[in-house]
Amino acid sequence: MAVLVLLWIGIYKFTPTEAKLIEPLVVNHFAMSWLYDVLSVQMVSGIIGAVEIIVAIGLIAGLKSPKIGFYSGIAASLIFLATLSFLVTTPNVWKISDGILVTNFFLVKDVLFLAVSISVIERSWYRMKHA
């Protein structure tokens, strides 16, 4: 599932619509905002998309190669941690709805994907050590 999401969202990053949608997330992020100083909004989105696609392909290849799976799992974990950090760095992500604190739920799915990525790391590590 995480592979499908990375591929799908990665491909979508090459569209002007997604480039504009992620701009508020990236521009407010302490570690990523500088990218817009040197690259266009579309280029930043395309680079992020390319990384997501490469990692998804690595996760697929990891089914055959534990070493590729291990490193792809680490890369996927970093992607999902970065996405989850938007919950802290982006203004107005959190709001009160009917008395309950809620967020943009599209970011929260990455908690599950982070867990899957960590599982890939663990399983790949085990396969490498017991091959």
C-alpha atoms as a PDB file:
ATOM      1  CA  MET A   1       0.000   0.000   0.000  1.00  0.00           C
ATOM      2  CA  ALA A   2       2.796   2.437   0.886  1.00  0.00           C
ATOM      3  CA  VAL A   3       4.408   1.654  -2.471  1.00  0.00           C
ATOM      4  CA  LEU A   4       1.201   2.441  -4.340  1.00  0.00           C
ATOM      5  CA  VAL A   5       0.776   5.726  -2.460  1.00  0.00           C
ATOM      6  CA  LEU A   6       4.395   6.760  -3.096  1.00  0.00           C
ATOM      7  CA  LEU A   7       4.060   5.992  -6.809  1.00  0.00           C
ATOM      8  CA  TRP A   8       0.679   7.668  -7.159  1.00  0.00           C
ATOM      9  CA  ILE A   9       1.544  10.806  -5.197  1.00  0.00           C
ATOM     10  CA  GLY A  10       5.022  10.882  -6.738  1.00  0.00           C
ATOM     11  CA  ILE A  11       3.562  10.957 -10.237  1.00  0.00           C
ATOM     12  CA  TYR A  12       1.006  13.589  -9.175  1.00  0.00           C
ATOM     13  CA  LYS A  13       3.857  15.840  -7.956  1.00  0.00           C
ATOM     14  CA  PHE A  14       4.685  16.502 -11.629  1.00  0.00           C
ATOM     15  CA  THR A  15       1.382  18.345 -12.094  1.00  0.00           C
ATOM     16  CA  PRO A  16       0.974  22.087 -11.484  1.00  0.00           C
ATOM     17  CA  THR A  17      -1.990  21.375  -9.200  1.00  0.00           C
ATOM     18  CA  GLU A  18       0.022  19.272  -6.741  1.00  0.00           C
ATOM     19  CA  ALA A  19       3.008  21.632  -6.952  1.00  0.00           C
ATOM     20  CA  LYS A  20       0.748  24.446  -5.737  1.00  0.00           C
ATOM     21  CA  LEU A  21      -0.902  22.238  -3.102  1.00  0.00           C
ATOM     22  CA  ILE A  22       2.396  21.330  -1.443  1.00  0.00           C
ATOM     23  CA  GLU A  23       3.841  24.846  -1.672  1.00  0.00           C
ATOM     24  CA  PRO A  24       2.396  26.028   1.688  1.00  0.00           C
ATOM     25  CA  LEU A  25       3.780  22.899   3.353  1.00  0.00           C
ATOM     26  CA  VAL A  26       7.274  23.268   1.917  1.00  0.00           C
ATOM     27  CA  VAL A  27       7.524  27.050   2.213  1.00  0.00           C
ATOM     28  CA  ASN A  28       6.836  26.891   5.962  1.00  0.00           C
ATOM     29  CA  HIS A  29       9.205  24.016   6.680  1.00  0.00           C
ATOM     30  CA  PHE A  30      12.477  24.911   8.413  1.00  0.00           C
ATOM     31  CA  ALA A  31      14.505  22.390   6.416  1.00  0.00           C
ATOM     32  CA  MET A  32      12.842  22.767   3.009  1.00  0.00           C
ATOM     33  CA  SER A  33      11.814  26.389   2.508  1.00  0.00           C
ATOM     34  CA  TRP A  34      15.219  27.338   1.040  1.00  0.00           C
ATOM     35  CA  LEU A  35      14.450  25.185  -1.996  1.00  0.00           C
ATOM     36  CA  TYR A  36      12.165  27.913  -3.361  1.00  0.00           C
ATOM     37  CA  ASP A  37      15.079  30.357  -3.224  1.00  0.00           C
ATOM     38  CA  VAL A  38      16.906  28.378  -5.900  1.00  0.00           C
ATOM     39  CA  LEU A  39      14.213  26.377  -7.723  1.00  0.00           C
ATOM     40  CA  SER A  40      10.713  26.983  -9.066  1.00  0.00           C
ATOM     41  CA  VAL A  41       7.620  25.637  -7.320  1.00  0.00           C
ATOM     42  CA  GLN A  42       7.215  23.039 -10.081  1.00  0.00           C
ATOM     43  CA  MET A  43      10.864  21.955  -9.939  1.00  0.00           C
ATOM     44  CA  VAL A  44      10.726  21.430  -6.179  1.00  0.00           C
ATOM     45  CA  SER A  45       7.559  19.387  -6.560  1.00  0.00           C
ATOM     46  CA  GLY A  46       9.118  17.369  -9.386  1.00  0.00           C
ATOM     47  CA  ILE A  47      12.221  16.576  -7.332  1.00  0.00           C
ATOM     48  CA  ILE A  48      10.089  15.445  -4.407  1.00  0.00           C
ATOM     49  CA  GLY A  49       7.989  13.354  -6.792  1.00  0.00           C
ATOM     50  CA  ALA A  50      11.067  11.772  -8.371  1.00  0.00           C
ATOM     51  CA  VAL A  51      12.410  10.820  -4.935  1.00  0.00           C
ATOM     52  CA  GLU A  52       9.058   9.274  -4.005  1.00  0.00           C
ATOM     53  CA  ILE A  53       8.950   7.261  -7.238  1.00  0.00           C
ATOM     54  CA  ILE A  54      12.554   6.050  -6.826  1.00  0.00           C
ATOM     55  CA  VAL A  55      11.870   4.970  -3.243  1.00  0.00           C
ATOM     56  CA  ALA A  56       8.692   3.150  -4.313  1.00  0.00           C
ATOM     57  CA  ILE A  57      10.646   1.282  -6.990  1.00  0.00           C
ATOM     58  CA  GLY A  58      13.288   0.480  -4.360  1.00  0.00           C
ATOM     59  CA  LEU A  59      10.635  -0.940  -2.056  1.00  0.00           C
ATOM     60  CA  ILE A  60       9.412  -3.186  -4.858  1.00  0.00           C
ATOM     61  CA  ALA A  61      12.984  -4.276  -5.661  1.00  0.00           C
ATOM     62  CA  GLY A  62      13.423  -4.908  -1.939  1.00  0.00           C
ATOM     63  CA  LEU A  63      11.132  -7.906  -2.247  1.00  0.00           C
ATOM     64  CA  LYS A  64      14.009  -9.641  -4.043  1.00  0.00           C
ATOM     65  CA  SER A  65      16.986  -7.839  -2.502  1.00  0.00           C
ATOM     66  CA  PRO A  66      17.001  -7.312   1.273  1.00  0.00           C
ATOM     67  CA  LYS A  67      19.753  -4.712   0.973  1.00  0.00           C
ATOM     68  CA  ILE A  68      17.713  -2.573  -1.427  1.00  0.00           C
ATOM     69  CA  GLY A  69      14.658  -3.118   0.789  1.00  0.00           C
ATOM     70  CA  PHE A  70      16.593  -2.013   3.862  1.00  0.00           C
ATOM     71  CA  TYR A  71      17.802   1.246   2.336  1.00  0.00           C
ATOM     72  CA  SER A  72      14.476   1.917   0.628  1.00  0.00           C
ATOM     73  CA  GLY A  73      12.718   1.390   3.966  1.00  0.00           C
ATOM     74  CA  ILE A  74      14.993   3.978   5.547  1.00  0.00           C
ATOM     75  CA  ALA A  75      14.325   6.413   2.687  1.00  0.00           C
ATOM     76  CA  ALA A  76      10.567   5.820   2.933  1.00  0.00           C
ATOM     77  CA  SER A  77      10.715   6.411   6.698  1.00  0.00           C
ATOM     78  CA  LEU A  78      12.461   9.733   6.102  1.00  0.00           C
ATOM     79  CA  ILE A  79       9.812  10.733   3.558  1.00  0.00           C
ATOM     80  CA  PHE A  80       6.979   9.918   5.961  1.00  0.00           C
ATOM     81  CA  LEU A  81       8.728  11.640   8.885  1.00  0.00           C
ATOM     82  CA  ALA A  82       9.159  14.742   6.729  1.00  0.00           C
ATOM     83  CA  THR A  83       5.492  14.642   5.785  1.00  0.00           C
ATOM     84  CA  LEU A  84       4.446  14.240   9.414  1.00  0.00           C
ATOM     85  CA  SER A  85       6.649  17.180  10.385  1.00  0.00           C
ATOM     86  CA  PHE A  86       4.346  19.395   8.304  1.00  0.00           C
ATOM     87  CA  LEU A  87       1.831  18.923  11.125  1.00  0.00           C
ATOM     88  CA  VAL A  88       4.153  21.034  13.276  1.00  0.00           C
ATOM     89  CA  THR A  89       5.630  23.468  10.752  1.00  0.00           C
ATOM     90  CA  THR A  90       2.588  24.479   8.699  1.00  0.00           C
ATOM     91  CA  PRO A  91       0.374  27.253  10.099  1.00  0.00           C
ATOM     92  CA  ASN A  92      -3.336  26.536  10.485  1.00  0.00           C
ATOM     93  CA  VAL A  93      -3.015  22.776   9.996  1.00  0.00           C
ATOM     94  CA  TRP A  94      -4.691  22.151  13.348  1.00  0.00           C
ATOM     95  CA  LYS A  95      -8.215  23.400  14.063  1.00  0.00           C
ATOM     96  CA  ILE A  96     -11.123  22.797  16.395  1.00  0.00           C
ATOM     97  CA  SER A  97     -14.104  21.082  14.790  1.00  0.00           C
ATOM     98  CA  ASP A  98     -17.153  20.428  16.944  1.00  0.00           C
ATOM     99  CA  GLY A  99     -14.968  20.813  20.017  1.00  0.00           C
ATOM    100  CA  ILE A 100     -12.359  18.291  18.835  1.00  0.00           C
ATOM    101  CA  LEU A 101      -8.809  19.129  17.771  1.00  0.00           C
ATOM    102  CA  VAL A 102      -8.376  17.866  14.192  1.00  0.00           C
ATOM    103  CA  THR A 103      -5.843  18.271  11.425  1.00  0.00           C
ATOM    104  CA  ASN A 104      -5.604  17.845   7.688  1.00  0.00           C
ATOM    105  CA  PHE A 105      -6.149  14.111   7.698  1.00  0.00           C
ATOM    106  CA  PHE A 106      -4.205  13.503   4.481  1.00  0.00           C
ATOM    107  CA  LEU A 107      -1.035  14.005   6.556  1.00  0.00           C
ATOM    108  CA  VAL A 108      -2.079  11.617   9.330  1.00  0.00           C
ATOM    109  CA  LYS A 109      -2.110   8.575   7.004  1.00  0.00           C
ATOM    110  CA  ASP A 110       1.659   8.784   7.056  1.00  0.00           C
ATOM    111  CA  VAL A 111       1.735   7.470  10.633  1.00  0.00           C
ATOM    112  CA  LEU A 112       0.643   4.096   9.236  1.00  0.00           C
ATOM    113  CA  PHE A 113       3.044   4.341   6.303  1.00  0.00           C
ATOM    114  CA  LEU A 114       5.893   5.175   8.678  1.00  0.00           C
ATOM    115  CA  ALA A 115       5.092   1.998  10.628  1.00  0.00           C
ATOM    116  CA  VAL A 116       5.103  -0.010   7.384  1.00  0.00           C
ATOM    117  CA  SER A 117       8.467   1.509   6.417  1.00  0.00           C
ATOM    118  CA  ILE A 118       9.957   0.595   9.780  1.00  0.00           C
ATOM    119  CA  SER A 119       8.625  -2.931   9.319  1.00  0.00           C
ATOM    120  CA  VAL A 120      10.329  -3.101   5.903  1.00  0.00           C
ATOM    121  CA  ILE A 121      13.607  -2.021   7.530  1.00  0.00           C
ATOM    122  CA  GLU A 122      13.261  -4.649  10.240  1.00  0.00           C
ATOM    123  CA  ARG A 123      12.342  -7.482   7.858  1.00  0.00           C
ATOM    124  CA  SER A 124      15.050  -6.550   5.365  1.00  0.00           C
ATOM    125  CA  TRP A 125      17.647  -6.406   8.143  1.00  0.00           C
ATOM    126  CA  TYR A 126      16.588  -9.863   9.328  1.00  0.00           C
ATOM    127  CA  ARG A 127      16.731 -11.257   5.777  1.00  0.00           C
ATOM    128  CA  MET A 128      20.224  -9.780   5.267  1.00  0.00           C
ATOM    129  CA  LYS A 129      21.534 -11.282   8.516  1.00  0.00           C
ATOM    130  CA  HIS A 130      19.947 -14.701   7.975  1.00  0.00           C
ATOM    131  CA  ALA A 131      20.591 -15.163   4.267  1.00  0.00           C
END
